[in-house]
Each structure stands twice: as structure tokens, then as C-alpha cells.
């Protein structure tokens, strides 16, 4: 997993500040001729402290552990 982006976010109702990290998985796929190609995979969002996020709209996330909604700033 490669870190592809970092950005700040804040709690929608609480106003708490958060640092978000975006990681991108790559999928390796073998071809019939023996070559291997890396294809883009899914994006995984986490807080800097390691807590998982679930995106629900563009620039909007839910902290899985607490259910707090946060927005990108």
C-alpha cells in the first residue's frame, strides 16, 4: 500500500481537527506470457492515528470507530 495523499478534515458537528491519509492498493495481475502488471486498486482512508474511515460522499467521511462525520477542509 502506498501513501498517495494527506489532507486535513474537521468534525461536521464537533469541529474537531483531524489529519487524513489516503493509501492506494495495487493489484498485480499475471498475464499468460508470464509478465506481471500492476493495476490501480482501491483507495483506503485512515486518520493519522490509524482509525479507519469510510467515505460516503466527495470529501466526506465517517470515522468507523465513533460514527463521527468529518469533512475535508
PDB file of N, CA and C in Angstrom:
ATOM      1  N   UNK A   1       0.844  -1.173   0.000  1.00  0.00           N
ATOM      2  CA  UNK A   1       0.000   0.000   0.000  1.00  0.00           C
ATOM      3  C   UNK A   1       0.890   1.236   0.000  1.00  0.00           C
ATOM      4  N   UNK A   2       0.586   2.159  -0.872  1.00  0.00           N
ATOM      5  CA  UNK A   2       1.361   3.391  -0.977  1.00  0.00           C
ATOM      6  C   UNK A   2       0.551   4.572  -0.485  1.00  0.00           C
ATOM      7  N   UNK A   3       1.167   5.428   0.320  1.00  0.00           N
ATOM      8  CA  UNK A   3       0.540   6.664   0.756  1.00  0.00           C
ATOM      9  C   UNK A   3       0.501   7.608  -0.434  1.00  0.00           C
ATOM     10  N   UNK A   4      -0.695   8.030  -0.836  1.00  0.00           N
ATOM     11  CA  UNK A   4      -0.818   8.867  -2.027  1.00  0.00           C
ATOM     12  C   UNK A   4      -1.227  10.299  -1.728  1.00  0.00           C
ATOM     13  N   UNK A   5      -1.815  10.538  -0.555  1.00  0.00           N
ATOM     14  CA  UNK A   5      -2.301  11.886  -0.264  1.00  0.00           C
ATOM     15  C   UNK A   5      -2.501  12.060   1.238  1.00  0.00           C
ATOM     16  N   UNK A   6      -2.281  13.290   1.721  1.00  0.00           N
ATOM     17  CA  UNK A   6      -2.589  13.665   3.097  1.00  0.00           C
ATOM     18  C   UNK A   6      -3.394  14.958   3.042  1.00  0.00           C
ATOM     19  N   UNK A   7      -4.403  15.072   3.909  1.00  0.00           N
ATOM     20  CA  UNK A   7      -5.158  16.312   3.977  1.00  0.00           C
ATOM     21  C   UNK A   7      -5.805  16.454   5.347  1.00  0.00           C
ATOM     22  N   UNK A   8      -6.274  17.663   5.638  1.00  0.00           N
ATOM     23  CA  UNK A   8      -6.931  17.950   6.907  1.00  0.00           C
ATOM     24  C   UNK A   8      -8.437  17.842   6.754  1.00  0.00           C
ATOM     25  N   UNK A   9      -9.076  17.504   7.861  1.00  0.00           N
ATOM     26  CA  UNK A   9     -10.531  17.416   7.906  1.00  0.00           C
ATOM     27  C   UNK A   9     -10.989  17.904   9.270  1.00  0.00           C
ATOM     28  N   UNK A  10     -12.282  18.211   9.378  1.00  0.00           N
ATOM     29  CA  UNK A  10     -12.818  18.604  10.675  1.00  0.00           C
ATOM     30  C   UNK A  10     -14.157  17.936  10.900  1.00  0.00           C
ATOM     31  N   UNK A  11     -14.484  17.756  12.167  1.00  0.00           N
ATOM     32  CA  UNK A  11     -15.752  17.152  12.543  1.00  0.00           C
ATOM     33  C   UNK A  11     -16.904  18.027  12.098  1.00  0.00           C
ATOM     34  N   UNK A  12     -17.903  17.422  11.493  1.00  0.00           N
ATOM     35  CA  UNK A  12     -19.036  18.167  10.963  1.00  0.00           C
ATOM     36  C   UNK A  12     -19.797  18.894  12.078  1.00  0.00           C
ATOM     37  N   UNK A  13     -19.988  18.225  13.202  1.00  0.00           N
ATOM     38  CA  UNK A  13     -20.729  18.837  14.301  1.00  0.00           C
ATOM     39  C   UNK A  13     -19.812  19.308  15.425  1.00  0.00           C
ATOM     40  N   UNK A  14     -18.701  18.595  15.662  1.00  0.00           N
ATOM     41  CA  UNK A  14     -17.821  18.928  16.782  1.00  0.00           C
ATOM     42  C   UNK A  14     -16.781  19.975  16.435  1.00  0.00           C
ATOM     43  N   UNK A  15     -16.387  20.039  15.169  1.00  0.00           N
ATOM     44  CA  UNK A  15     -15.333  20.961  14.763  1.00  0.00           C
ATOM     45  C   UNK A  15     -13.933  20.459  15.088  1.00  0.00           C
ATOM     46  N   UNK A  16     -13.815  19.232  15.613  1.00  0.00           N
ATOM     47  CA  UNK A  16     -12.505  18.649  15.928  1.00  0.00           C
ATOM     48  C   UNK A  16     -11.662  18.540  14.659  1.00  0.00           C
ATOM     49  N   UNK A  17     -10.366  18.785  14.806  1.00  0.00           N
ATOM     50  CA  UNK A  17      -9.444  18.715  13.667  1.00  0.00           C
ATOM     51  C   UNK A  17      -8.857  17.315  13.538  1.00  0.00           C
ATOM     52  N   UNK A  18      -8.722  16.847  12.299  1.00  0.00           N
ATOM     53  CA  UNK A  18      -8.172  15.528  12.019  1.00  0.00           C
ATOM     54  C   UNK A  18      -7.212  15.612  10.840  1.00  0.00           C
ATOM     55  N   UNK A  19      -6.254  14.689  10.804  1.00  0.00           N
ATOM     56  CA  UNK A  19      -5.345  14.540   9.670  1.00  0.00           C
ATOM     57  C   UNK A  19      -5.693  13.209   9.000  1.00  0.00           C
ATOM     58  N   UNK A  20      -5.983  13.257   7.711  1.00  0.00           N
ATOM     59  CA  UNK A  20      -6.404  12.081   6.947  1.00  0.00           C
ATOM     60  C   UNK A  20      -5.293  11.665   6.001  1.00  0.00           C
ATOM     61  N   UNK A  21      -5.106  10.360   5.878  1.00  0.00           N
ATOM     62  CA  UNK A  21      -4.143   9.798   4.941  1.00  0.00           C
ATOM     63  C   UNK A  21      -4.866   8.884   3.971  1.00  0.00           C
ATOM     64  N   UNK A  22      -4.519   8.981   2.711  1.00  0.00           N
ATOM     65  CA  UNK A  22      -5.120   8.133   1.677  1.00  0.00           C
ATOM     66  C   UNK A  22      -4.046   7.186   1.149  1.00  0.00           C
ATOM     67  N   UNK A  23      -4.362   5.908   1.179  1.00  0.00           N
ATOM     68  CA  UNK A  23      -3.465   4.873   0.672  1.00  0.00           C
ATOM     69  C   UNK A  23      -4.112   4.227  -0.546  1.00  0.00           C
ATOM     70  N   UNK A  24      -3.289   3.802  -1.474  1.00  0.00           N
ATOM     71  CA  UNK A  24      -3.807   3.140  -2.667  1.00  0.00           C
ATOM     72  C   UNK A  24      -3.194   1.756  -2.779  1.00  0.00           C
ATOM     73  N   UNK A  25      -4.052   0.775  -2.906  1.00  0.00           N
ATOM     74  CA  UNK A  25      -3.628  -0.602  -3.145  1.00  0.00           C
ATOM     75  C   UNK A  25      -3.317  -0.767  -4.621  1.00  0.00           C
ATOM     76  N   UNK A  26      -2.402  -1.652  -4.919  1.00  0.00           N
ATOM     77  CA  UNK A  26      -2.207  -2.025  -6.321  1.00  0.00           C
ATOM     78  C   UNK A  26      -2.476  -3.520  -6.432  1.00  0.00           C
ATOM     79  N   UNK A  27      -2.998  -3.898  -7.555  1.00  0.00           N
ATOM     80  CA  UNK A  27      -3.336  -5.291  -7.816  1.00  0.00           C
ATOM     81  C   UNK A  27      -2.370  -5.805  -8.871  1.00  0.00           C
ATOM     82  N   UNK A  28      -1.668  -6.862  -8.539  1.00  0.00           N
ATOM     83  CA  UNK A  28      -0.755  -7.446  -9.518  1.00  0.00           C
ATOM     84  C   UNK A  28      -1.477  -8.546 -10.265  1.00  0.00           C
ATOM     85  N   UNK A  29      -1.344  -8.499 -11.563  1.00  0.00           N
ATOM     86  CA  UNK A  29      -2.047  -9.451 -12.414  1.00  0.00           C
ATOM     87  C   UNK A  29      -1.050 -10.100 -13.366  1.00  0.00           C
ATOM     88  N   UNK A  30      -1.043 -11.405 -13.375  1.00  0.00           N
ATOM     89  CA  UNK A  30      -0.134 -12.137 -14.247  1.00  0.00           C
ATOM     90  C   UNK A  30      -0.812 -12.400 -15.588  1.00  0.00           C
ATOM     91  N   UNK A  31      -0.048 -12.210 -16.621  1.00  0.00           N
ATOM     92  CA  UNK A  31      -0.554 -12.470 -17.967  1.00  0.00           C
ATOM     93  C   UNK A  31      -0.115 -13.869 -18.412  1.00  0.00           C
ATOM     94  N   UNK A  32      -0.725 -14.356 -19.470  1.00  0.00           N
ATOM     95  CA  UNK A  32      -0.423 -15.698 -19.982  1.00  0.00           C
ATOM     96  C   UNK A  32       1.030 -15.831 -20.426  1.00  0.00           C
ATOM     97  N   UNK A  33       1.628 -14.722 -20.859  1.00  0.00           N
ATOM     98  CA  UNK A  33       3.010 -14.795 -21.334  1.00  0.00           C
ATOM     99  C   UNK A  33       4.028 -14.699 -20.201  1.00  0.00           C
ATOM    100  N   UNK A  34       3.576 -14.677 -18.947  1.00  0.00           N
ATOM    101  CA  UNK A  34       4.474 -14.667 -17.799  1.00  0.00           C
ATOM    102  C   UNK A  34       4.808 -13.291 -17.248  1.00  0.00           C
ATOM    103  N   UNK A  35       4.326 -12.236 -17.901  1.00  0.00           N
ATOM    104  CA  UNK A  35       4.597 -10.896 -17.379  1.00  0.00           C
ATOM    105  C   UNK A  35       3.593 -10.557 -16.271  1.00  0.00           C
ATOM    106  N   UNK A  36       3.987  -9.627 -15.433  1.00  0.00           N
ATOM    107  CA  UNK A  36       3.122  -9.188 -14.330  1.00  0.00           C
ATOM    108  C   UNK A  36       2.866  -7.696 -14.490  1.00  0.00           C
ATOM    109  N   UNK A  37       1.610  -7.306 -14.379  1.00  0.00           N
ATOM    110  CA  UNK A  37       1.242  -5.904 -14.496  1.00  0.00           C
ATOM    111  C   UNK A  37       0.601  -5.443 -13.189  1.00  0.00           C
ATOM    112  N   UNK A  38       0.925  -4.226 -12.768  1.00  0.00           N
ATOM    113  CA  UNK A  38       0.285  -3.637 -11.593  1.00  0.00           C
ATOM    114  C   UNK A  38      -0.868  -2.762 -12.058  1.00  0.00           C
ATOM    115  N   UNK A  39      -2.030  -3.037 -11.543  1.00  0.00           N
ATOM    116  CA  UNK A  39      -3.224  -2.269 -11.874  1.00  0.00           C
ATOM    117  C   UNK A  39      -3.629  -1.433 -10.665  1.00  0.00           C
ATOM    118  N   UNK A  40      -4.223  -0.254 -10.905  1.00  0.00           N
ATOM    119  CA  UNK A  40      -4.667   0.536  -9.765  1.00  0.00           C
ATOM    120  C   UNK A  40      -5.747  -0.200  -8.982  1.00  0.00           C
ATOM    121  N   UNK A  41      -5.680  -0.105  -7.681  1.00  0.00           N
ATOM    122  CA  UNK A  41      -6.657  -0.774  -6.822  1.00  0.00           C
ATOM    123  C   UNK A  41      -7.549   0.234  -6.130  1.00  0.00           C
ATOM    124  N   UNK A  42      -7.996  -0.120  -4.944  1.00  0.00           N
ATOM    125  CA  UNK A  42      -8.913   0.737  -4.201  1.00  0.00           C
ATOM    126  C   UNK A  42      -8.162   1.742  -3.349  1.00  0.00           C
ATOM    127  N   UNK A  43      -8.854   2.816  -2.981  1.00  0.00           N
ATOM    128  CA  UNK A  43      -8.299   3.807  -2.078  1.00  0.00           C
ATOM    129  C   UNK A  43      -8.770   3.492  -0.661  1.00  0.00           C
ATOM    130  N   UNK A  44      -7.861   3.584   0.291  1.00  0.00           N
ATOM    131  CA  UNK A  44      -8.166   3.321   1.690  1.00  0.00           C
ATOM    132  C   UNK A  44      -7.857   4.592   2.467  1.00  0.00           C
ATOM    133  N   UNK A  45      -8.842   5.058   3.230  1.00  0.00           N
ATOM    134  CA  UNK A  45      -8.681   6.282   4.012  1.00  0.00           C
ATOM    135  C   UNK A  45      -8.558   5.932   5.483  1.00  0.00           C
ATOM    136  N   UNK A  46      -7.594   6.600   6.154  1.00  0.00           N
ATOM    137  CA  UNK A  46      -7.373   6.415   7.588  1.00  0.00           C
ATOM    138  C   UNK A  46      -7.034   7.754   8.214  1.00  0.00           C
ATOM    139  N   UNK A  47      -7.319   7.869   9.508  1.00  0.00           N
ATOM    140  CA  UNK A  47      -6.819   9.011  10.249  1.00  0.00           C
ATOM    141  C   UNK A  47      -5.344   8.769  10.537  1.00  0.00           C
ATOM    142  N   UNK A  48      -4.601   9.829  10.832  1.00  0.00           N
ATOM    143  CA  UNK A  48      -3.176   9.701  11.114  1.00  0.00           C
ATOM    144  C   UNK A  48      -2.923   8.784  12.311  1.00  0.00           C
ATOM    145  N   UNK A  49      -3.905   8.657  13.217  1.00  0.00           N
ATOM    146  CA  UNK A  49      -3.732   7.770  14.376  1.00  0.00           C
ATOM    147  C   UNK A  49      -4.097   6.319  14.062  1.00  0.00           C
ATOM    148  N   UNK A  50      -4.452   6.025  12.809  1.00  0.00           N
ATOM    149  CA  UNK A  50      -4.713   4.656  12.379  1.00  0.00           C
ATOM    150  C   UNK A  50      -6.172   4.255  12.311  1.00  0.00           C
ATOM    151  N   UNK A  51      -7.086   5.086  12.827  1.00  0.00           N
ATOM    152  CA  UNK A  51      -8.507   4.723  12.781  1.00  0.00           C
ATOM    153  C   UNK A  51      -9.023   4.758  11.342  1.00  0.00           C
ATOM    154  N   UNK A  52      -9.861   3.788  11.013  1.00  0.00           N
ATOM    155  CA  UNK A  52     -10.377   3.640   9.649  1.00  0.00           C
ATOM    156  C   UNK A  52     -11.492   4.639   9.365  1.00  0.00           C
ATOM    157  N   UNK A  53     -11.569   5.063   8.106  1.00  0.00           N
ATOM    158  CA  UNK A  53     -12.621   5.961   7.635  1.00  0.00           C
ATOM    159  C   UNK A  53     -13.384   5.301   6.506  1.00  0.00           C
ATOM    160  N   UNK A  54     -14.666   5.630   6.410  1.00  0.00           N
ATOM    161  CA  UNK A  54     -15.483   5.190   5.287  1.00  0.00           C
ATOM    162  C   UNK A  54     -15.976   6.431   4.553  1.00  0.00           C
ATOM    163  N   UNK A  55     -15.630   6.581   3.262  1.00  0.00           N
ATOM    164  CA  UNK A  55     -16.153   7.728   2.508  1.00  0.00           C
ATOM    165  C   UNK A  55     -17.624   7.520   2.188  1.00  0.00           C
ATOM    166  N   UNK A  56     -18.417   8.605   2.271  1.00  0.00           N
ATOM    167  CA  UNK A  56     -19.836   8.487   1.905  1.00  0.00           C
ATOM    168  C   UNK A  56     -20.255   9.516   0.872  1.00  0.00           C
ATOM    169  N   UNK A  57     -19.429  10.495   0.603  1.00  0.00           N
ATOM    170  CA  UNK A  57     -19.657  11.475  -0.463  1.00  0.00           C
ATOM    171  C   UNK A  57     -18.299  12.123  -0.751  1.00  0.00           C
ATOM    172  N   UNK A  58     -18.218  12.927  -1.777  1.00  0.00           N
ATOM    173  CA  UNK A  58     -16.961  13.585  -2.145  1.00  0.00           C
ATOM    174  C   UNK A  58     -16.472  14.457  -0.993  1.00  0.00           C
ATOM    175  N   UNK A  59     -15.305  14.108  -0.420  1.00  0.00           N
ATOM    176  CA  UNK A  59     -14.712  14.876   0.664  1.00  0.00           C
ATOM    177  C   UNK A  59     -15.386  14.710   2.011  1.00  0.00           C
ATOM    178  N   UNK A  60     -16.263  13.708   2.150  1.00  0.00           N
ATOM    179  CA  UNK A  60     -16.970  13.463   3.407  1.00  0.00           C
ATOM    180  C   UNK A  60     -16.747  12.015   3.842  1.00  0.00           C
ATOM    181  N   UNK A  61     -16.484  11.843   5.140  1.00  0.00           N
ATOM    182  CA  UNK A  61     -16.129  10.538   5.670  1.00  0.00           C
ATOM    183  C   UNK A  61     -16.809  10.306   7.013  1.00  0.00           C
ATOM    184  N   UNK A  62     -16.879   9.039   7.412  1.00  0.00           N
ATOM    185  CA  UNK A  62     -17.346   8.656   8.738  1.00  0.00           C
ATOM    186  C   UNK A  62     -16.209   7.903   9.419  1.00  0.00           C
ATOM    187  N   UNK A  63     -15.907   8.284  10.667  1.00  0.00           N
ATOM    188  CA  UNK A  63     -14.915   7.547  11.446  1.00  0.00           C
ATOM    189  C   UNK A  63     -15.585   6.258  11.899  1.00  0.00           C
ATOM    190  N   UNK A  64     -15.069   5.120  11.444  1.00  0.00           N
ATOM    191  CA  UNK A  64     -15.707   3.828  11.719  1.00  0.00           C
ATOM    192  C   UNK A  64     -15.881   3.567  13.214  1.00  0.00           C
ATOM    193  N   UNK A  65     -14.901   3.900  14.010  1.00  0.00           N
ATOM    194  CA  UNK A  65     -14.920   3.589  15.435  1.00  0.00           C
ATOM    195  C   UNK A  65     -15.972   4.383  16.202  1.00  0.00           C
ATOM    196  N   UNK A  66     -16.171   5.661  15.837  1.00  0.00           N
ATOM    197  CA  UNK A  66     -17.063   6.527  16.614  1.00  0.00           C
ATOM    198  C   UNK A  66     -18.349   6.916  15.901  1.00  0.00           C
ATOM    199  N   UNK A  67     -18.363   6.802  14.566  1.00  0.00           N
ATOM    200  CA  UNK A  67     -19.533   7.216  13.797  1.00  0.00           C
ATOM    201  C   UNK A  67     -19.567   8.706  13.509  1.00  0.00           C
ATOM    202  N   UNK A  68     -18.531   9.439  13.945  1.00  0.00           N
ATOM    203  CA  UNK A  68     -18.484  10.887  13.699  1.00  0.00           C
ATOM    204  C   UNK A  68     -18.273  11.159  12.214  1.00  0.00           C
ATOM    205  N   UNK A  69     -19.029  12.105  11.686  1.00  0.00           N
ATOM    206  CA  UNK A  69     -18.867  12.522  10.297  1.00  0.00           C
ATOM    207  C   UNK A  69     -17.861  13.661  10.240  1.00  0.00           C
ATOM    208  N   UNK A  70     -16.936  13.559   9.286  1.00  0.00           N
ATOM    209  CA  UNK A  70     -15.941  14.610   9.100  1.00  0.00           C
ATOM    210  C   UNK A  70     -15.930  15.048   7.643  1.00  0.00           C
ATOM    211  N   UNK A  71     -15.466  16.281   7.403  1.00  0.00           N
ATOM    212  CA  UNK A  71     -15.404  16.830   6.052  1.00  0.00           C
ATOM    213  C   UNK A  71     -14.007  17.356   5.777  1.00  0.00           C
ATOM    214  N   UNK A  72     -13.614  17.226   4.536  1.00  0.00           N
ATOM    215  CA  UNK A  72     -12.290  17.718   4.111  1.00  0.00           C
ATOM    216  C   UNK A  72     -12.294  19.243   4.113  1.00  0.00           C
ATOM    217  N   UNK A  73     -11.168  19.817   4.578  1.00  0.00           N
ATOM    218  CA  UNK A  73     -11.058  21.292   4.580  1.00  0.00           C
ATOM    219  C   UNK A  73      -9.983  21.744   3.628  1.00  0.00           C
TER     220      UNK A  73
END
